[in-house]
Amino acid sequence: MILDFEPGDKVFNPNEKSWGIGQVQSIIKSKVTVNFENVGKKVINAENIELKKIYDRN
């Protein structure tokens, strides 16, 4: 599995949209630590949950 994230990227969890936008803090193997605006820091197992990257439109 190749994750297309790096620290600082903005992401959201399509299964938990109420969490808001998150910023990737760290990636260790398939574990992605994300700080979400509405629920704080979560460790996401990327093998089970597919985060969606938010791309700048500028």
PDB file of N, CA and C in Angstrom:
ATOM      1  N   MET A   1       0.839  -1.175   0.000  1.00  0.00           N
ATOM      2  CA  MET A   1       0.000   0.000   0.000  1.00  0.00           C
ATOM      3  C   MET A   1       0.890   1.248   0.000  1.00  0.00           C
ATOM      4  N   ILE A   2       0.578   2.169  -0.882  1.00  0.00           N
ATOM      5  CA  ILE A   2       1.309   3.431  -0.935  1.00  0.00           C
ATOM      6  C   ILE A   2       0.344   4.536  -0.547  1.00  0.00           C
ATOM      7  N   LEU A   3       0.705   5.284   0.484  1.00  0.00           N
ATOM      8  CA  LEU A   3      -0.135   6.397   0.924  1.00  0.00           C
ATOM      9  C   LEU A   3       0.359   7.682   0.277  1.00  0.00           C
ATOM     10  N   ASP A   4      -0.568   8.441  -0.265  1.00  0.00           N
ATOM     11  CA  ASP A   4      -0.237   9.680  -0.960  1.00  0.00           C
ATOM     12  C   ASP A   4      -0.394  10.871  -0.008  1.00  0.00           C
ATOM     13  N   PHE A   5       0.117  10.728   1.206  1.00  0.00           N
ATOM     14  CA  PHE A   5       0.022  11.797   2.198  1.00  0.00           C
ATOM     15  C   PHE A   5       1.406  12.110   2.729  1.00  0.00           C
ATOM     16  N   GLU A   6       1.554  13.330   3.183  1.00  0.00           N
ATOM     17  CA  GLU A   6       2.746  13.705   3.931  1.00  0.00           C
ATOM     18  C   GLU A   6       2.314  14.704   4.997  1.00  0.00           C
ATOM     19  N   PRO A   7       3.104  14.860   6.058  1.00  0.00           N
ATOM     20  CA  PRO A   7       2.729  15.789   7.114  1.00  0.00           C
ATOM     21  C   PRO A   7       2.433  17.175   6.551  1.00  0.00           C
ATOM     22  N   GLY A   8       1.333  17.738   7.047  1.00  0.00           N
ATOM     23  CA  GLY A   8       0.895  19.063   6.595  1.00  0.00           C
ATOM     24  C   GLY A   8      -0.245  19.004   5.599  1.00  0.00           C
ATOM     25  N   ASP A   9      -0.459  17.845   4.964  1.00  0.00           N
ATOM     26  CA  ASP A   9      -1.560  17.720   4.009  1.00  0.00           C
ATOM     27  C   ASP A   9      -2.902  17.855   4.709  1.00  0.00           C
ATOM     28  N   LYS A  10      -3.857  18.437   4.022  1.00  0.00           N
ATOM     29  CA  LYS A  10      -5.231  18.552   4.512  1.00  0.00           C
ATOM     30  C   LYS A  10      -6.034  17.372   3.982  1.00  0.00           C
ATOM     31  N   VAL A  11      -6.816  16.739   4.869  1.00  0.00           N
ATOM     32  CA  VAL A  11      -7.599  15.559   4.502  1.00  0.00           C
ATOM     33  C   VAL A  11      -8.964  15.611   5.185  1.00  0.00           C
ATOM     34  N   PHE A  12      -9.863  14.728   4.746  1.00  0.00           N
ATOM     35  CA  PHE A  12     -11.101  14.506   5.477  1.00  0.00           C
ATOM     36  C   PHE A  12     -11.451  13.034   5.417  1.00  0.00           C
ATOM     37  N   ASN A  13     -12.265  12.621   6.378  1.00  0.00           N
ATOM     38  CA  ASN A  13     -12.721  11.231   6.437  1.00  0.00           C
ATOM     39  C   ASN A  13     -14.142  11.208   5.885  1.00  0.00           C
ATOM     40  N   PRO A  14     -14.363  10.642   4.689  1.00  0.00           N
ATOM     41  CA  PRO A  14     -15.702  10.658   4.095  1.00  0.00           C
ATOM     42  C   PRO A  14     -16.746   9.912   4.920  1.00  0.00           C
ATOM     43  N   ASN A  15     -16.315   9.023   5.817  1.00  0.00           N
ATOM     44  CA  ASN A  15     -17.249   8.296   6.680  1.00  0.00           C
ATOM     45  C   ASN A  15     -17.631   9.100   7.918  1.00  0.00           C
ATOM     46  N   GLU A  16     -16.871  10.146   8.233  1.00  0.00           N
ATOM     47  CA  GLU A  16     -17.089  10.957   9.443  1.00  0.00           C
ATOM     48  C   GLU A  16     -16.935  12.437   9.074  1.00  0.00           C
ATOM     49  N   LYS A  17     -17.797  12.934   8.195  1.00  0.00           N
ATOM     50  CA  LYS A  17     -17.663  14.311   7.722  1.00  0.00           C
ATOM     51  C   LYS A  17     -17.791  15.332   8.856  1.00  0.00           C
ATOM     52  N   SER A  18     -18.470  14.950   9.939  1.00  0.00           N
ATOM     53  CA  SER A  18     -18.637  15.868  11.069  1.00  0.00           C
ATOM     54  C   SER A  18     -17.314  16.167  11.775  1.00  0.00           C
ATOM     55  N   TRP A  19     -16.281  15.346  11.522  1.00  0.00           N
ATOM     56  CA  TRP A  19     -14.970  15.603  12.116  1.00  0.00           C
ATOM     57  C   TRP A  19     -14.349  16.856  11.538  1.00  0.00           C
ATOM     58  N   GLY A  20     -14.765  17.246  10.342  1.00  0.00           N
ATOM     59  CA  GLY A  20     -14.202  18.423   9.682  1.00  0.00           C
ATOM     60  C   GLY A  20     -12.908  18.102   8.962  1.00  0.00           C
ATOM     61  N   ILE A  21     -12.240  19.152   8.584  1.00  0.00           N
ATOM     62  CA  ILE A  21     -10.968  19.021   7.872  1.00  0.00           C
ATOM     63  C   ILE A  21      -9.870  18.715   8.875  1.00  0.00           C
ATOM     64  N   GLY A  22      -8.975  17.824   8.474  1.00  0.00           N
ATOM     65  CA  GLY A  22      -7.849  17.458   9.331  1.00  0.00           C
ATOM     66  C   GLY A  22      -6.529  17.742   8.653  1.00  0.00           C
ATOM     67  N   GLN A  23      -5.502  17.865   9.479  1.00  0.00           N
ATOM     68  CA  GLN A  23      -4.146  18.043   8.961  1.00  0.00           C
ATOM     69  C   GLN A  23      -3.308  16.857   9.403  1.00  0.00           C
ATOM     70  N   VAL A  24      -2.649  16.226   8.418  1.00  0.00           N
ATOM     71  CA  VAL A  24      -1.803  15.065   8.701  1.00  0.00           C
ATOM     72  C   VAL A  24      -0.629  15.508   9.575  1.00  0.00           C
ATOM     73  N   GLN A  25      -0.431  14.801  10.685  1.00  0.00           N
ATOM     74  CA  GLN A  25       0.663  15.088  11.610  1.00  0.00           C
ATOM     75  C   GLN A  25       1.843  14.157  11.376  1.00  0.00           C
ATOM     76  N   SER A  26       1.546  12.854  11.213  1.00  0.00           N
ATOM     77  CA  SER A  26       2.618  11.876  10.992  1.00  0.00           C
ATOM     78  C   SER A  26       2.051  10.644  10.314  1.00  0.00           C
ATOM     79  N   ILE A  27       2.950   9.874   9.709  1.00  0.00           N
ATOM     80  CA  ILE A  27       2.589   8.629   9.039  1.00  0.00           C
ATOM     81  C   ILE A  27       3.635   7.588   9.424  1.00  0.00           C
ATOM     82  N   ILE A  28       3.168   6.497  10.032  1.00  0.00           N
ATOM     83  CA  ILE A  28       4.053   5.383  10.385  1.00  0.00           C
ATOM     84  C   ILE A  28       3.386   4.124   9.863  1.00  0.00           C
ATOM     85  N   LYS A  29       3.978   3.562   8.807  1.00  0.00           N
ATOM     86  CA  LYS A  29       3.412   2.403   8.108  1.00  0.00           C
ATOM     87  C   LYS A  29       2.002   2.760   7.657  1.00  0.00           C
ATOM     88  N   SER A  30       0.977   2.043   8.108  1.00  0.00           N
ATOM     89  CA  SER A  30      -0.390   2.345   7.663  1.00  0.00           C
ATOM     90  C   SER A  30      -1.157   3.214   8.660  1.00  0.00           C
ATOM     91  N   LYS A  31      -0.473   3.696   9.688  1.00  0.00           N
ATOM     92  CA  LYS A  31      -1.115   4.539  10.700  1.00  0.00           C
ATOM     93  C   LYS A  31      -0.860   6.016  10.394  1.00  0.00           C
ATOM     94  N   VAL A  32      -1.947   6.752  10.196  1.00  0.00           N
ATOM     95  CA  VAL A  32      -1.853   8.178   9.873  1.00  0.00           C
ATOM     96  C   VAL A  32      -2.451   8.951  11.044  1.00  0.00           C
ATOM     97  N   THR A  33      -1.662   9.803  11.673  1.00  0.00           N
ATOM     98  CA  THR A  33      -2.153  10.657  12.756  1.00  0.00           C
ATOM     99  C   THR A  33      -2.618  11.971  12.146  1.00  0.00           C
ATOM    100  N   VAL A  34      -3.884  12.301  12.415  1.00  0.00           N
ATOM    101  CA  VAL A  34      -4.500  13.486  11.830  1.00  0.00           C
ATOM    102  C   VAL A  34      -5.116  14.313  12.946  1.00  0.00           C
ATOM    103  N   ASN A  35      -4.916  15.625  12.902  1.00  0.00           N
ATOM    104  CA  ASN A  35      -5.547  16.541  13.842  1.00  0.00           C
ATOM    105  C   ASN A  35      -6.754  17.163  13.137  1.00  0.00           C
ATOM    106  N   PHE A  36      -7.972  16.721  13.537  1.00  0.00           N
ATOM    107  CA  PHE A  36      -9.208  17.201  12.929  1.00  0.00           C
ATOM    108  C   PHE A  36      -9.731  18.419  13.672  1.00  0.00           C
ATOM    109  N   GLU A  37     -10.354  19.350  12.932  1.00  0.00           N
ATOM    110  CA  GLU A  37     -10.800  20.607  13.523  1.00  0.00           C
ATOM    111  C   GLU A  37     -11.906  20.426  14.561  1.00  0.00           C
ATOM    112  N   ASN A  38     -12.758  19.393  14.437  1.00  0.00           N
ATOM    113  CA  ASN A  38     -13.888  19.242  15.356  1.00  0.00           C
ATOM    114  C   ASN A  38     -13.718  18.177  16.430  1.00  0.00           C
ATOM    115  N   VAL A  39     -12.771  17.257  16.246  1.00  0.00           N
ATOM    116  CA  VAL A  39     -12.628  16.157  17.211  1.00  0.00           C
ATOM    117  C   VAL A  39     -11.203  15.960  17.705  1.00  0.00           C
ATOM    118  N   GLY A  40     -10.290  16.789  17.245  1.00  0.00           N
ATOM    119  CA  GLY A  40      -8.912  16.683  17.705  1.00  0.00           C
ATOM    120  C   GLY A  40      -8.139  15.590  17.000  1.00  0.00           C
ATOM    121  N   LYS A  41      -7.154  15.063  17.687  1.00  0.00           N
ATOM    122  CA  LYS A  41      -6.208  14.122  17.085  1.00  0.00           C
ATOM    123  C   LYS A  41      -6.776  12.715  17.044  1.00  0.00           C
ATOM    124  N   LYS A  42      -6.666  12.092  15.869  1.00  0.00           N
ATOM    125  CA  LYS A  42      -7.098  10.708  15.670  1.00  0.00           C
ATOM    126  C   LYS A  42      -5.992   9.957  14.953  1.00  0.00           C
ATOM    127  N   VAL A  43      -5.814   8.689  15.328  1.00  0.00           N
ATOM    128  CA  VAL A  43      -4.890   7.815  14.608  1.00  0.00           C
ATOM    129  C   VAL A  43      -5.754   6.923  13.719  1.00  0.00           C
ATOM    130  N   ILE A  44      -5.548   7.054  12.413  1.00  0.00           N
ATOM    131  CA  ILE A  44      -6.359   6.360  11.423  1.00  0.00           C
ATOM    132  C   ILE A  44      -5.545   5.201  10.851  1.00  0.00           C
ATOM    133  N   ASN A  45      -6.152   4.025  10.815  1.00  0.00           N
ATOM    134  CA  ASN A  45      -5.528   2.886  10.144  1.00  0.00           C
ATOM    135  C   ASN A  45      -5.937   2.970   8.676  1.00  0.00           C
ATOM    136  N   ALA A  46      -5.003   3.341   7.814  1.00  0.00           N
ATOM    137  CA  ALA A  46      -5.300   3.556   6.397  1.00  0.00           C
ATOM    138  C   ALA A  46      -5.660   2.263   5.669  1.00  0.00           C
ATOM    139  N   GLU A  47      -5.458   1.122   6.308  1.00  0.00           N
ATOM    140  CA  GLU A  47      -5.890  -0.137   5.698  1.00  0.00           C
ATOM    141  C   GLU A  47      -7.398  -0.313   5.828  1.00  0.00           C
ATOM    142  N   ASN A  48      -8.016   0.364   6.808  1.00  0.00           N
ATOM    143  CA  ASN A  48      -9.451   0.220   7.067  1.00  0.00           C
ATOM    144  C   ASN A  48     -10.267   1.451   6.683  1.00  0.00           C
ATOM    145  N   ILE A  49      -9.658   2.620   6.721  1.00  0.00           N
ATOM    146  CA  ILE A  49     -10.362   3.876   6.446  1.00  0.00           C
ATOM    147  C   ILE A  49      -9.592   4.625   5.380  1.00  0.00           C
ATOM    148  N   GLU A  50     -10.299   5.020   4.328  1.00  0.00           N
ATOM    149  CA  GLU A  50      -9.657   5.751   3.246  1.00  0.00           C
ATOM    150  C   GLU A  50      -9.871   7.246   3.429  1.00  0.00           C
ATOM    151  N   LEU A  51      -8.811   7.934   3.804  1.00  0.00           N
ATOM    152  CA  LEU A  51      -8.869   9.382   3.914  1.00  0.00           C
ATOM    153  C   LEU A  51      -8.805   9.991   2.522  1.00  0.00           C
ATOM    154  N   LYS A  52      -9.461  11.128   2.350  1.00  0.00           N
ATOM    155  CA  LYS A  52      -9.436  11.842   1.078  1.00  0.00           C
ATOM    156  C   LYS A  52      -8.601  13.098   1.243  1.00  0.00           C
ATOM    157  N   LYS A  53      -7.671  13.278   0.329  1.00  0.00           N
ATOM    158  CA  LYS A  53      -6.793  14.447   0.360  1.00  0.00           C
ATOM    159  C   LYS A  53      -7.522  15.650  -0.234  1.00  0.00           C
ATOM    160  N   ILE A  54      -7.324  16.803   0.389  1.00  0.00           N
ATOM    161  CA  ILE A  54      -7.894  18.043  -0.113  1.00  0.00           C
ATOM    162  C   ILE A  54      -6.774  18.789  -0.833  1.00  0.00           C
ATOM    163  N   TYR A  55      -7.012  19.054  -2.103  1.00  0.00           N
ATOM    164  CA  TYR A  55      -6.000  19.738  -2.920  1.00  0.00           C
ATOM    165  C   TYR A  55      -6.322  21.218  -2.991  1.00  0.00           C
ATOM    166  N   ASP A  56      -5.279  22.055  -2.893  1.00  0.00           N
ATOM    167  CA  ASP A  56      -5.465  23.494  -3.074  1.00  0.00           C
ATOM    168  C   ASP A  56      -5.953  23.751  -4.482  1.00  0.00           C
ATOM    169  N   ARG A  57      -6.864  24.694  -4.612  1.00  0.00           N
ATOM    170  CA  ARG A  57      -7.379  25.035  -5.930  1.00  0.00           C
ATOM    171  C   ARG A  57      -6.691  26.276  -6.482  1.00  0.00           C
ATOM    172  N   ASN A  58      -5.615  26.716  -5.836  1.00  0.00           N
ATOM    173  CA  ASN A  58      -4.906  27.912  -6.299  1.00  0.00           C
ATOM    174  C   ASN A  58      -3.898  27.570  -7.365  1.00  0.00           C
TER     175      ASN A  58
END
